[in-house]
Amino acid sequence: MSAVASGSGRRGLLLILSAPSGTGKTTVVQKVIDRLPNIRRSRSYTSRLPRSGEQDGVDYNFVDEGVFRQMVSEGAFIEWADVFGNLYGTSVVDTEAQLVAGQDVVLVIDVQGAQQVRQR
């Protein structure tokens, strides 16, 4: 598999890595991204508080639960899920912008999120 440089005129591919929480999805995706520079990990929105070392807009887009639920009602997410009491979602606008720019985007989501993407 070879990466195609962004700006080549091609639309990016949407890839999904789906597995239960805590199974190492993020680790696997990071190793792929390290080898294939045209692949980008989507940055999820979440209602949970940042963990030590996490930065808003880098690791996640951190929003409060009210803002998140408003985004759900506006159809802002390709998929969203309640995972152990915290809300996580993938932005339609952010993902589409990356795909149009020719970047391949991988969603690192749980099984219920993957089912939502499949239904769209």
PDB file of N, CA and C in Angstrom:
ATOM      1  N   MET A   1       0.841  -1.172   0.000  1.00  0.00           N
ATOM      2  CA  MET A   1       0.000   0.000   0.000  1.00  0.00           C
ATOM      3  C   MET A   1       0.885   1.232   0.000  1.00  0.00           C
ATOM      4  N   SER A   2       0.614   2.159  -0.881  1.00  0.00           N
ATOM      5  CA  SER A   2       1.390   3.394  -0.886  1.00  0.00           C
ATOM      6  C   SER A   2       0.465   4.576  -0.671  1.00  0.00           C
ATOM      7  N   ALA A   3       0.991   5.596  -0.052  1.00  0.00           N
ATOM      8  CA  ALA A   3       0.212   6.803   0.203  1.00  0.00           C
ATOM      9  C   ALA A   3       0.303   7.714  -1.012  1.00  0.00           C
ATOM     10  N   VAL A   4      -0.788   8.387  -1.306  1.00  0.00           N
ATOM     11  CA  VAL A   4      -0.821   9.357  -2.390  1.00  0.00           C
ATOM     12  C   VAL A   4      -0.808  10.736  -1.760  1.00  0.00           C
ATOM     13  N   ALA A   5       0.021  11.616  -2.265  1.00  0.00           N
ATOM     14  CA  ALA A   5       0.124  12.962  -1.694  1.00  0.00           C
ATOM     15  C   ALA A   5      -1.202  13.691  -1.795  1.00  0.00           C
ATOM     16  N   SER A   6      -1.547  14.418  -0.725  1.00  0.00           N
ATOM     17  CA  SER A   6      -2.760  15.219  -0.782  1.00  0.00           C
ATOM     18  C   SER A   6      -2.577  16.295  -1.842  1.00  0.00           C
ATOM     19  N   GLY A   7      -3.690  16.787  -2.364  1.00  0.00           N
ATOM     20  CA  GLY A   7      -3.616  17.768  -3.429  1.00  0.00           C
ATOM     21  C   GLY A   7      -3.503  17.116  -4.794  1.00  0.00           C
ATOM     22  N   SER A   8      -3.593  15.792  -4.854  1.00  0.00           N
ATOM     23  CA  SER A   8      -3.455  15.073  -6.113  1.00  0.00           C
ATOM     24  C   SER A   8      -4.738  15.102  -6.927  1.00  0.00           C
ATOM     25  N   GLY A   9      -5.795  15.713  -6.396  1.00  0.00           N
ATOM     26  CA  GLY A   9      -7.059  15.753  -7.102  1.00  0.00           C
ATOM     27  C   GLY A   9      -7.970  14.594  -6.758  1.00  0.00           C
ATOM     28  N   ARG A  10      -7.499  13.662  -6.018  1.00  0.00           N
ATOM     29  CA  ARG A  10      -8.347  12.539  -5.638  1.00  0.00           C
ATOM     30  C   ARG A  10      -9.002  12.806  -4.298  1.00  0.00           C
ATOM     31  N   ARG A  11     -10.183  12.255  -4.127  1.00  0.00           N
ATOM     32  CA  ARG A  11     -10.883  12.353  -2.846  1.00  0.00           C
ATOM     33  C   ARG A  11     -10.280  11.316  -1.912  1.00  0.00           C
ATOM     34  N   GLY A  12     -10.126  11.671  -0.655  1.00  0.00           N
ATOM     35  CA  GLY A  12      -9.588  10.738   0.322  1.00  0.00           C
ATOM     36  C   GLY A  12     -10.541   9.590   0.597  1.00  0.00           C
ATOM     37  N   LEU A  13     -10.007   8.558   1.194  1.00  0.00           N
ATOM     38  CA  LEU A  13     -10.794   7.395   1.587  1.00  0.00           C
ATOM     39  C   LEU A  13     -11.160   7.497   3.056  1.00  0.00           C
ATOM     40  N   LEU A  14     -12.358   7.040   3.395  1.00  0.00           N
ATOM     41  CA  LEU A  14     -12.784   6.969   4.785  1.00  0.00           C
ATOM     42  C   LEU A  14     -12.588   5.536   5.255  1.00  0.00           C
ATOM     43  N   LEU A  15     -11.728   5.366   6.244  1.00  0.00           N
ATOM     44  CA  LEU A  15     -11.413   4.053   6.795  1.00  0.00           C
ATOM     45  C   LEU A  15     -11.944   3.985   8.219  1.00  0.00           C
ATOM     46  N   ILE A  16     -12.323   2.788   8.656  1.00  0.00           N
ATOM     47  CA  ILE A  16     -12.826   2.613  10.018  1.00  0.00           C
ATOM     48  C   ILE A  16     -12.064   1.499  10.696  1.00  0.00           C
ATOM     49  N   LEU A  17     -11.566   1.783  11.893  1.00  0.00           N
ATOM     50  CA  LEU A  17     -11.022   0.747  12.765  1.00  0.00           C
ATOM     51  C   LEU A  17     -11.953   0.701  13.964  1.00  0.00           C
ATOM     52  N   SER A  18     -12.629  -0.427  14.105  1.00  0.00           N
ATOM     53  CA  SER A  18     -13.646  -0.552  15.134  1.00  0.00           C
ATOM     54  C   SER A  18     -13.382  -1.771  16.007  1.00  0.00           C
ATOM     55  N   ALA A  19     -13.447  -1.548  17.301  1.00  0.00           N
ATOM     56  CA  ALA A  19     -13.284  -2.622  18.284  1.00  0.00           C
ATOM     57  C   ALA A  19     -13.770  -2.070  19.619  1.00  0.00           C
ATOM     58  N   PRO A  20     -14.003  -2.940  20.588  1.00  0.00           N
ATOM     59  CA  PRO A  20     -14.433  -2.458  21.905  1.00  0.00           C
ATOM     60  C   PRO A  20     -13.391  -1.528  22.534  1.00  0.00           C
ATOM     61  N   SER A  21     -13.851  -0.710  23.468  1.00  0.00           N
ATOM     62  CA  SER A  21     -12.955   0.206  24.186  1.00  0.00           C
ATOM     63  C   SER A  21     -11.843  -0.563  24.882  1.00  0.00           C
ATOM     64  N   GLY A  22     -10.644   0.019  24.870  1.00  0.00           N
ATOM     65  CA  GLY A  22      -9.512  -0.561  25.589  1.00  0.00           C
ATOM     66  C   GLY A  22      -8.794  -1.689  24.882  1.00  0.00           C
ATOM     67  N   THR A  23      -9.011  -1.849  23.574  1.00  0.00           N
ATOM     68  CA  THR A  23      -8.389  -2.967  22.855  1.00  0.00           C
ATOM     69  C   THR A  23      -7.157  -2.576  22.044  1.00  0.00           C
ATOM     70  N   GLY A  24      -6.747  -1.309  22.109  1.00  0.00           N
ATOM     71  CA  GLY A  24      -5.527  -0.901  21.419  1.00  0.00           C
ATOM     72  C   GLY A  24      -5.728  -0.299  20.048  1.00  0.00           C
ATOM     73  N   LYS A  25      -6.950   0.121  19.731  1.00  0.00           N
ATOM     74  CA  LYS A  25      -7.221   0.711  18.413  1.00  0.00           C
ATOM     75  C   LYS A  25      -6.317   1.909  18.126  1.00  0.00           C
ATOM     76  N   THR A  26      -6.199   2.799  19.087  1.00  0.00           N
ATOM     77  CA  THR A  26      -5.406   4.016  18.888  1.00  0.00           C
ATOM     78  C   THR A  26      -3.943   3.691  18.638  1.00  0.00           C
ATOM     79  N   THR A  27      -3.407   2.714  19.342  1.00  0.00           N
ATOM     80  CA  THR A  27      -2.011   2.306  19.160  1.00  0.00           C
ATOM     81  C   THR A  27      -1.784   1.774  17.750  1.00  0.00           C
ATOM     82  N   VAL A  28      -2.685   0.934  17.272  1.00  0.00           N
ATOM     83  CA  VAL A  28      -2.568   0.370  15.924  1.00  0.00           C
ATOM     84  C   VAL A  28      -2.615   1.486  14.882  1.00  0.00           C
ATOM     85  N   VAL A  29      -3.571   2.387  15.023  1.00  0.00           N
ATOM     86  CA  VAL A  29      -3.713   3.472  14.050  1.00  0.00           C
ATOM     87  C   VAL A  29      -2.489   4.376  14.052  1.00  0.00           C
ATOM     88  N   GLN A  30      -1.932   4.665  15.203  1.00  0.00           N
ATOM     89  CA  GLN A  30      -0.749   5.526  15.254  1.00  0.00           C
ATOM     90  C   GLN A  30       0.419   4.898  14.504  1.00  0.00           C
ATOM     91  N   LYS A  31       0.578   3.584  14.604  1.00  0.00           N
ATOM     92  CA  LYS A  31       1.656   2.904  13.870  1.00  0.00           C
ATOM     93  C   LYS A  31       1.430   3.000  12.358  1.00  0.00           C
ATOM     94  N   VAL A  32       0.185   2.893  11.919  1.00  0.00           N
ATOM     95  CA  VAL A  32      -0.130   3.034  10.495  1.00  0.00           C
ATOM     96  C   VAL A  32       0.163   4.460  10.029  1.00  0.00           C
ATOM     97  N   ILE A  33      -0.275   5.447  10.804  1.00  0.00           N
ATOM     98  CA  ILE A  33      -0.055   6.854  10.446  1.00  0.00           C
ATOM     99  C   ILE A  33       1.434   7.176  10.364  1.00  0.00           C
ATOM    100  N   ASP A  34       2.216   6.593  11.252  1.00  0.00           N
ATOM    101  CA  ASP A  34       3.665   6.817  11.228  1.00  0.00           C
ATOM    102  C   ASP A  34       4.289   6.342   9.919  1.00  0.00           C
ATOM    103  N   ARG A  35       3.696   5.321   9.293  1.00  0.00           N
ATOM    104  CA  ARG A  35       4.258   4.758   8.060  1.00  0.00           C
ATOM    105  C   ARG A  35       3.618   5.321   6.795  1.00  0.00           C
ATOM    106  N   LEU A  36       2.393   5.790   6.898  1.00  0.00           N
ATOM    107  CA  LEU A  36       1.662   6.286   5.730  1.00  0.00           C
ATOM    108  C   LEU A  36       1.200   7.719   6.001  1.00  0.00           C
ATOM    109  N   PRO A  37       1.965   8.691   5.554  1.00  0.00           N
ATOM    110  CA  PRO A  37       1.717  10.083   5.942  1.00  0.00           C
ATOM    111  C   PRO A  37       0.425  10.700   5.422  1.00  0.00           C
ATOM    112  N   ASN A  38      -0.232  10.115   4.427  1.00  0.00           N
ATOM    113  CA  ASN A  38      -1.473  10.707   3.929  1.00  0.00           C
ATOM    114  C   ASN A  38      -2.685  10.311   4.773  1.00  0.00           C
ATOM    115  N   ILE A  39      -2.509   9.400   5.704  1.00  0.00           N
ATOM    116  CA  ILE A  39      -3.623   8.987   6.556  1.00  0.00           C
ATOM    117  C   ILE A  39      -3.652   9.866   7.795  1.00  0.00           C
ATOM    118  N   ARG A  40      -4.841  10.368   8.099  1.00  0.00           N
ATOM    119  CA  ARG A  40      -5.050  11.186   9.290  1.00  0.00           C
ATOM    120  C   ARG A  40      -6.103  10.517  10.167  1.00  0.00           C
ATOM    121  N   ARG A  41      -5.899  10.608  11.453  1.00  0.00           N
ATOM    122  CA  ARG A  41      -6.901  10.117  12.394  1.00  0.00           C
ATOM    123  C   ARG A  41      -7.916  11.233  12.603  1.00  0.00           C
ATOM    124  N   SER A  42      -9.180  10.884  12.568  1.00  0.00           N
ATOM    125  CA  SER A  42     -10.183  11.902  12.870  1.00  0.00           C
ATOM    126  C   SER A  42     -10.044  12.307  14.336  1.00  0.00           C
ATOM    127  N   ARG A  43     -10.353  13.544  14.615  1.00  0.00           N
ATOM    128  CA  ARG A  43     -10.304  14.026  15.993  1.00  0.00           C
ATOM    129  C   ARG A  43     -11.738  14.121  16.487  1.00  0.00           C
ATOM    130  N   SER A  44     -12.072  13.292  17.453  1.00  0.00           N
ATOM    131  CA  SER A  44     -13.431  13.226  17.980  1.00  0.00           C
ATOM    132  C   SER A  44     -13.756  14.407  18.877  1.00  0.00           C
ATOM    133  N   TYR A  45     -15.030  14.678  18.962  1.00  0.00           N
ATOM    134  CA  TYR A  45     -15.565  15.568  19.998  1.00  0.00           C
ATOM    135  C   TYR A  45     -15.919  14.683  21.182  1.00  0.00           C
ATOM    136  N   THR A  46     -15.751  15.192  22.384  1.00  0.00           N
ATOM    137  CA  THR A  46     -16.124  14.433  23.570  1.00  0.00           C
ATOM    138  C   THR A  46     -16.605  15.354  24.675  1.00  0.00           C
ATOM    139  N   SER A  47     -17.494  14.799  25.496  1.00  0.00           N
ATOM    140  CA  SER A  47     -18.003  15.545  26.652  1.00  0.00           C
ATOM    141  C   SER A  47     -17.183  15.283  27.909  1.00  0.00           C
ATOM    142  N   ARG A  48     -16.225  14.372  27.822  1.00  0.00           N
ATOM    143  CA  ARG A  48     -15.445  14.077  29.032  1.00  0.00           C
ATOM    144  C   ARG A  48     -14.389  15.148  29.265  1.00  0.00           C
ATOM    145  N   LEU A  49     -13.877  15.180  30.471  1.00  0.00           N
ATOM    146  CA  LEU A  49     -12.812  16.124  30.802  1.00  0.00           C
ATOM    147  C   LEU A  49     -11.486  15.642  30.222  1.00  0.00           C
ATOM    148  N   PRO A  50     -10.585  16.554  29.874  1.00  0.00           N
ATOM    149  CA  PRO A  50      -9.268  16.141  29.369  1.00  0.00           C
ATOM    150  C   PRO A  50      -8.490  15.363  30.426  1.00  0.00           C
ATOM    151  N   ARG A  51      -7.784  14.347  29.970  1.00  0.00           N
ATOM    152  CA  ARG A  51      -6.861  13.618  30.844  1.00  0.00           C
ATOM    153  C   ARG A  51      -5.541  14.375  30.881  1.00  0.00           C
ATOM    154  N   SER A  52      -4.706  14.008  31.810  1.00  0.00           N
ATOM    155  CA  SER A  52      -3.402  14.655  31.957  1.00  0.00           C
ATOM    156  C   SER A  52      -2.638  14.609  30.634  1.00  0.00           C
ATOM    157  N   GLY A  53      -2.184  15.758  30.171  1.00  0.00           N
ATOM    158  CA  GLY A  53      -1.398  15.838  28.945  1.00  0.00           C
ATOM    159  C   GLY A  53      -2.212  16.028  27.682  1.00  0.00           C
ATOM    160  N   GLU A  54      -3.523  15.830  27.729  1.00  0.00           N
ATOM    161  CA  GLU A  54      -4.350  16.012  26.537  1.00  0.00           C
ATOM    162  C   GLU A  54      -4.621  17.495  26.307  1.00  0.00           C
ATOM    163  N   GLN A  55      -4.688  17.860  25.023  1.00  0.00           N
ATOM    164  CA  GLN A  55      -4.931  19.252  24.653  1.00  0.00           C
ATOM    165  C   GLN A  55      -6.181  19.355  23.790  1.00  0.00           C
ATOM    166  N   ASP A  56      -7.005  20.350  24.094  1.00  0.00           N
ATOM    167  CA  ASP A  56      -8.195  20.609  23.302  1.00  0.00           C
ATOM    168  C   ASP A  56      -7.780  20.974  21.879  1.00  0.00           C
ATOM    169  N   GLY A  57      -8.430  20.362  20.902  1.00  0.00           N
ATOM    170  CA  GLY A  57      -8.115  20.641  19.509  1.00  0.00           C
ATOM    171  C   GLY A  57      -6.947  19.846  18.967  1.00  0.00           C
ATOM    172  N   VAL A  58      -6.275  19.104  19.828  1.00  0.00           N
ATOM    173  CA  VAL A  58      -5.160  18.254  19.405  1.00  0.00           C
ATOM    174  C   VAL A  58      -5.556  16.790  19.582  1.00  0.00           C
ATOM    175  N   ASP A  59      -5.846  16.416  20.811  1.00  0.00           N
ATOM    176  CA  ASP A  59      -6.220  15.029  21.099  1.00  0.00           C
ATOM    177  C   ASP A  59      -7.710  14.794  20.848  1.00  0.00           C
ATOM    178  N   TYR A  60      -8.517  15.712  21.310  1.00  0.00           N
ATOM    179  CA  TYR A  60      -9.973  15.701  21.144  1.00  0.00           C
ATOM    180  C   TYR A  60     -10.433  17.148  21.060  1.00  0.00           C
ATOM    181  N   ASN A  61     -11.673  17.319  20.654  1.00  0.00           N
ATOM    182  CA  ASN A  61     -12.357  18.599  20.801  1.00  0.00           C
ATOM    183  C   ASN A  61     -13.244  18.435  22.033  1.00  0.00           C
ATOM    184  N   PHE A  62     -12.872  19.073  23.125  1.00  0.00           N
ATOM    185  CA  PHE A  62     -13.591  18.923  24.385  1.00  0.00           C
ATOM    186  C   PHE A  62     -14.720  19.951  24.463  1.00  0.00           C
ATOM    187  N   VAL A  63     -15.939  19.464  24.672  1.00  0.00           N
ATOM    188  CA  VAL A  63     -17.112  20.324  24.826  1.00  0.00           C
ATOM    189  C   VAL A  63     -17.933  19.806  25.998  1.00  0.00           C
ATOM    190  N   ASP A  64     -18.771  20.669  26.565  1.00  0.00           N
ATOM    191  CA  ASP A  64     -19.602  20.167  27.661  1.00  0.00           C
ATOM    192  C   ASP A  64     -20.779  19.373  27.092  1.00  0.00           C
ATOM    193  N   GLU A  65     -21.451  18.637  27.959  1.00  0.00           N
ATOM    194  CA  GLU A  65     -22.510  17.733  27.505  1.00  0.00           C
ATOM    195  C   GLU A  65     -23.634  18.476  26.790  1.00  0.00           C
ATOM    196  N   GLY A  66     -23.984  19.670  27.260  1.00  0.00           N
ATOM    197  CA  GLY A  66     -25.040  20.445  26.609  1.00  0.00           C
ATOM    198  C   GLY A  66     -24.694  20.804  25.174  1.00  0.00           C
ATOM    199  N   VAL A  67     -23.470  21.245  24.955  1.00  0.00           N
ATOM    200  CA  VAL A  67     -23.010  21.573  23.597  1.00  0.00           C
ATOM    201  C   VAL A  67     -23.010  20.317  22.733  1.00  0.00           C
ATOM    202  N   PHE A  68     -22.528  19.211  23.286  1.00  0.00           N
ATOM    203  CA  PHE A  68     -22.480  17.961  22.531  1.00  0.00           C
ATOM    204  C   PHE A  68     -23.891  17.556  22.098  1.00  0.00           C
ATOM    205  N   ARG A  69     -24.827  17.568  23.037  1.00  0.00           N
ATOM    206  CA  ARG A  69     -26.206  17.158  22.720  1.00  0.00           C
ATOM    207  C   ARG A  69     -26.847  18.100  21.694  1.00  0.00           C
ATOM    208  N   GLN A  70     -26.516  19.382  21.743  1.00  0.00           N
ATOM    209  CA  GLN A  70     -27.002  20.321  20.732  1.00  0.00           C
ATOM    210  C   GLN A  70     -26.445  19.937  19.361  1.00  0.00           C
ATOM    211  N   MET A  71     -25.174  19.574  19.309  1.00  0.00           N
ATOM    212  CA  MET A  71     -24.564  19.145  18.047  1.00  0.00           C
ATOM    213  C   MET A  71     -25.250  17.893  17.509  1.00  0.00           C
ATOM    214  N   VAL A  72     -25.599  16.964  18.402  1.00  0.00           N
ATOM    215  CA  VAL A  72     -26.329  15.759  17.984  1.00  0.00           C
ATOM    216  C   VAL A  72     -27.654  16.163  17.343  1.00  0.00           C
ATOM    217  N   SER A  73     -28.399  17.049  18.000  1.00  0.00           N
ATOM    218  CA  SER A  73     -29.713  17.447  17.486  1.00  0.00           C
ATOM    219  C   SER A  73     -29.607  18.182  16.149  1.00  0.00           C
ATOM    220  N   GLU A  74     -28.471  18.815  15.893  1.00  0.00           N
ATOM    221  CA  GLU A  74     -28.244  19.523  14.625  1.00  0.00           C
ATOM    222  C   GLU A  74     -27.686  18.618  13.531  1.00  0.00           C
ATOM    223  N   GLY A  75     -27.455  17.342  13.844  1.00  0.00           N
ATOM    224  CA  GLY A  75     -26.920  16.413  12.846  1.00  0.00           C
ATOM    225  C   GLY A  75     -25.454  16.630  12.535  1.00  0.00           C
ATOM    226  N   ALA A  76     -24.701  17.137  13.504  1.00  0.00           N
ATOM    227  CA  ALA A  76     -23.295  17.490  13.276  1.00  0.00           C
ATOM    228  C   ALA A  76     -22.348  16.300  13.240  1.00  0.00           C
ATOM    229  N   PHE A  77     -22.817  15.115  13.623  1.00  0.00           N
ATOM    230  CA  PHE A  77     -21.924  13.963  13.733  1.00  0.00           C
ATOM    231  C   PHE A  77     -22.239  12.880  12.707  1.00  0.00           C
ATOM    232  N   ILE A  78     -21.175  12.298  12.144  1.00  0.00           N
ATOM    233  CA  ILE A  78     -21.306  11.098  11.314  1.00  0.00           C
ATOM    234  C   ILE A  78     -21.777   9.955  12.198  1.00  0.00           C
ATOM    235  N   GLU A  79     -21.204   9.914  13.378  1.00  0.00           N
ATOM    236  CA  GLU A  79     -21.552   8.906  14.376  1.00  0.00           C
ATOM    237  C   GLU A  79     -21.284   9.503  15.738  1.00  0.00           C
ATOM    238  N   TRP A  80     -22.000   8.978  16.737  1.00  0.00           N
ATOM    239  CA  TRP A  80     -21.724   9.378  18.107  1.00  0.00           C
ATOM    240  C   TRP A  80     -22.151   8.242  19.014  1.00  0.00           C
ATOM    241  N   ALA A  81     -21.563   8.232  20.204  1.00  0.00           N
ATOM    242  CA  ALA A  81     -21.843   7.142  21.136  1.00  0.00           C
ATOM    243  C   ALA A  81     -21.651   7.612  22.569  1.00  0.00           C
ATOM    244  N   ASP A  82     -22.363   6.948  23.454  1.00  0.00           N
ATOM    245  CA  ASP A  82     -22.180   7.119  24.893  1.00  0.00           C
ATOM    246  C   ASP A  82     -21.304   5.958  25.338  1.00  0.00           C
ATOM    247  N   VAL A  83     -20.093   6.264  25.759  1.00  0.00           N
ATOM    248  CA  VAL A  83     -19.134   5.237  26.171  1.00  0.00           C
ATOM    249  C   VAL A  83     -18.822   5.453  27.646  1.00  0.00           C
ATOM    250  N   PHE A  84     -19.333   4.562  28.468  1.00  0.00           N
ATOM    251  CA  PHE A  84     -19.110   4.642  29.915  1.00  0.00           C
ATOM    252  C   PHE A  84     -19.491   6.008  30.483  1.00  0.00           C
ATOM    253  N   GLY A  85     -20.614   6.565  30.008  1.00  0.00           N
ATOM    254  CA  GLY A  85     -21.115   7.828  30.537  1.00  0.00           C
ATOM    255  C   GLY A  85     -20.525   9.077  29.916  1.00  0.00           C
ATOM    256  N   ASN A  86     -19.615   8.926  28.970  1.00  0.00           N
ATOM    257  CA  ASN A  86     -19.045  10.067  28.247  1.00  0.00           C
ATOM    258  C   ASN A  86     -19.474   9.986  26.788  1.00  0.00           C
ATOM    259  N   LEU A  87     -19.736  11.133  26.191  1.00  0.00           N
ATOM    260  CA  LEU A  87     -20.185  11.190  24.808  1.00  0.00           C
ATOM    261  C   LEU A  87     -19.005  11.447  23.877  1.00  0.00           C
ATOM    262  N   TYR A  88     -18.974  10.707  22.764  1.00  0.00           N
ATOM    263  CA  TYR A  88     -17.927  10.851  21.751  1.00  0.00           C
ATOM    264  C   TYR A  88     -18.602  10.920  20.387  1.00  0.00           C
ATOM    265  N   GLY A  89     -18.094  11.773  19.493  1.00  0.00           N
ATOM    266  CA  GLY A  89     -18.669  11.862  18.164  1.00  0.00           C
ATOM    267  C   GLY A  89     -17.669  12.345  17.132  1.00  0.00           C
ATOM    268  N   THR A  90     -17.941  12.004  15.870  1.00  0.00           N
ATOM    269  CA  THR A  90     -17.096  12.389  14.738  1.00  0.00           C
ATOM    270  C   THR A  90     -17.835  13.421  13.894  1.00  0.00           C
ATOM    271  N   SER A  91     -17.229  14.573  13.708  1.00  0.00           N
ATOM    272  CA  SER A  91     -17.843  15.682  12.984  1.00  0.00           C
ATOM    273  C   SER A  91     -17.959  15.402  11.487  1.00  0.00           C
ATOM    274  N   VAL A  92     -19.147  15.645  10.948  1.00  0.00           N
ATOM    275  CA  VAL A  92     -19.368  15.544   9.507  1.00  0.00           C
ATOM    276  C   VAL A  92     -18.499  16.573   8.778  1.00  0.00           C
ATOM    277  N   VAL A  93     -18.538  17.822   9.228  1.00  0.00           N
ATOM    278  CA  VAL A  93     -17.829  18.919   8.547  1.00  0.00           C
ATOM    279  C   VAL A  93     -16.322  18.702   8.564  1.00  0.00           C
ATOM    280  N   ASP A  94     -15.760  18.373   9.725  1.00  0.00           N
ATOM    281  CA  ASP A  94     -14.311  18.172   9.829  1.00  0.00           C
ATOM    282  C   ASP A  94     -13.846  17.022   8.937  1.00  0.00           C
ATOM    283  N   THR A  95     -14.588  15.920   8.972  1.00  0.00           N
ATOM    284  CA  THR A  95     -14.206  14.737   8.192  1.00  0.00           C
ATOM    285  C   THR A  95     -14.312  15.011   6.697  1.00  0.00           C
ATOM    286  N   GLU A  96     -15.398  15.641   6.280  1.00  0.00           N
ATOM    287  CA  GLU A  96     -15.589  15.945   4.860  1.00  0.00           C
ATOM    288  C   GLU A  96     -14.488  16.868   4.343  1.00  0.00           C
ATOM    289  N   ALA A  97     -14.078  17.846   5.145  1.00  0.00           N
ATOM    290  CA  ALA A  97     -13.007  18.764   4.722  1.00  0.00           C
ATOM    291  C   ALA A  97     -11.708  18.005   4.458  1.00  0.00           C
ATOM    292  N   GLN A  98     -11.389  17.049   5.308  1.00  0.00           N
ATOM    293  CA  GLN A  98     -10.172  16.259   5.104  1.00  0.00           C
ATOM    294  C   GLN A  98     -10.283  15.399   3.851  1.00  0.00           C
ATOM    295  N   LEU A  99     -11.432  14.772   3.636  1.00  0.00           N
ATOM    296  CA  LEU A  99     -11.614  13.911   2.467  1.00  0.00           C
ATOM    297  C   LEU A  99     -11.526  14.714   1.171  1.00  0.00           C
ATOM    298  N   VAL A 100     -12.151  15.881   1.143  1.00  0.00           N
ATOM    299  CA  VAL A 100     -12.108  16.743  -0.041  1.00  0.00           C
ATOM    300  C   VAL A 100     -10.679  17.183  -0.337  1.00  0.00           C
ATOM    301  N   ALA A 101      -9.877  17.367   0.712  1.00  0.00           N
ATOM    302  CA  ALA A 101      -8.474  17.767   0.543  1.00  0.00           C
ATOM    303  C   ALA A 101      -7.593  16.604   0.086  1.00  0.00           C
ATOM    304  N   GLY A 102      -8.182  15.420  -0.095  1.00  0.00           N
ATOM    305  CA  GLY A 102      -7.427  14.268  -0.578  1.00  0.00           C
ATOM    306  C   GLY A 102      -6.774  13.445   0.509  1.00  0.00           C
ATOM    307  N   GLN A 103      -7.071  13.746   1.760  1.00  0.00           N
ATOM    308  CA  GLN A 103      -6.488  12.975   2.860  1.00  0.00           C
ATOM    309  C   GLN A 103      -7.359  11.764   3.162  1.00  0.00           C
ATOM    310  N   ASP A 104      -6.714  10.644   3.409  1.00  0.00           N
ATOM    311  CA  ASP A 104      -7.420   9.465   3.885  1.00  0.00           C
ATOM    312  C   ASP A 104      -7.635   9.646   5.380  1.00  0.00           C
ATOM    313  N   VAL A 105      -8.843   9.356   5.837  1.00  0.00           N
ATOM    314  CA  VAL A 105      -9.208   9.588   7.232  1.00  0.00           C
ATOM    315  C   VAL A 105      -9.624   8.270   7.860  1.00  0.00           C
ATOM    316  N   VAL A 106      -9.035   7.968   9.005  1.00  0.00           N
ATOM    317  CA  VAL A 106      -9.412   6.762   9.730  1.00  0.00           C
ATOM    318  C   VAL A 106     -10.190   7.168  10.977  1.00  0.00           C
ATOM    319  N   LEU A 107     -11.350   6.556  11.133  1.00  0.00           N
ATOM    320  CA  LEU A 107     -12.161   6.743  12.328  1.00  0.00           C
ATOM    321  C   LEU A 107     -11.813   5.630  13.297  1.00  0.00           C
ATOM    322  N   VAL A 108     -11.450   5.991  14.496  1.00  0.00           N
ATOM    323  CA  VAL A 108     -11.135   5.025  15.549  1.00  0.00           C
ATOM    324  C   VAL A 108     -12.338   5.044  16.478  1.00  0.00           C
ATOM    325  N   ILE A 109     -13.257   4.119  16.241  1.00  0.00           N
ATOM    326  CA  ILE A 109     -14.546   4.165  16.926  1.00  0.00           C
ATOM    327  C   ILE A 109     -14.948   2.791  17.431  1.00  0.00           C
ATOM    328  N   ASP A 110     -15.912   2.788  18.338  1.00  0.00           N
ATOM    329  CA  ASP A 110     -16.384   1.514  18.860  1.00  0.00           C
ATOM    330  C   ASP A 110     -17.409   0.911  17.897  1.00  0.00           C
ATOM    331  N   VAL A 111     -17.900  -0.256  18.250  1.00  0.00           N
ATOM    332  CA  VAL A 111     -18.783  -1.007  17.365  1.00  0.00           C
ATOM    333  C   VAL A 111     -20.073  -0.243  17.079  1.00  0.00           C
ATOM    334  N   GLN A 112     -20.664   0.393  18.096  1.00  0.00           N
ATOM    335  CA  GLN A 112     -21.916   1.111  17.846  1.00  0.00           C
ATOM    336  C   GLN A 112     -21.700   2.295  16.899  1.00  0.00           C
ATOM    337  N   GLY A 113     -20.545   2.947  16.970  1.00  0.00           N
ATOM    338  CA  GLY A 113     -20.237   4.032  16.045  1.00  0.00           C
ATOM    339  C   GLY A 113     -20.093   3.529  14.618  1.00  0.00           C
ATOM    340  N   ALA A 114     -19.437   2.396  14.455  1.00  0.00           N
ATOM    341  CA  ALA A 114     -19.264   1.811  13.119  1.00  0.00           C
ATOM    342  C   ALA A 114     -20.613   1.448  12.508  1.00  0.00           C
ATOM    343  N   GLN A 115     -21.531   0.963  13.322  1.00  0.00           N
ATOM    344  CA  GLN A 115     -22.868   0.630  12.819  1.00  0.00           C
ATOM    345  C   GLN A 115     -23.595   1.882  12.333  1.00  0.00           C
ATOM    346  N   GLN A 116     -23.420   2.998  13.033  1.00  0.00           N
ATOM    347  CA  GLN A 116     -24.049   4.252  12.601  1.00  0.00           C
ATOM    348  C   GLN A 116     -23.483   4.720  11.262  1.00  0.00           C
ATOM    349  N   VAL A 117     -22.168   4.623  11.093  1.00  0.00           N
ATOM    350  CA  VAL A 117     -21.545   5.031   9.830  1.00  0.00           C
ATOM    351  C   VAL A 117     -22.079   4.165   8.696  1.00  0.00           C
ATOM    352  N   ARG A 118     -22.190   2.886   8.923  1.00  0.00           N
ATOM    353  CA  ARG A 118     -22.680   1.963   7.902  1.00  0.00           C
ATOM    354  C   ARG A 118     -24.115   2.303   7.490  1.00  0.00           C
ATOM    355  N   GLN A 119     -24.920   2.781   8.431  1.00  0.00           N
ATOM    356  CA  GLN A 119     -26.318   3.108   8.141  1.00  0.00           C
ATOM    357  C   GLN A 119     -26.478   4.420   7.385  1.00  0.00           C
ATOM    358  N   ARG A 120     -25.450   5.269   7.349  1.00  0.00           N
ATOM    359  CA  ARG A 120     -25.540   6.575   6.662  1.00  0.00           C
ATOM    360  C   ARG A 120     -25.401   6.449   5.175  1.00  0.00           C
TER     361      ARG A 120
END
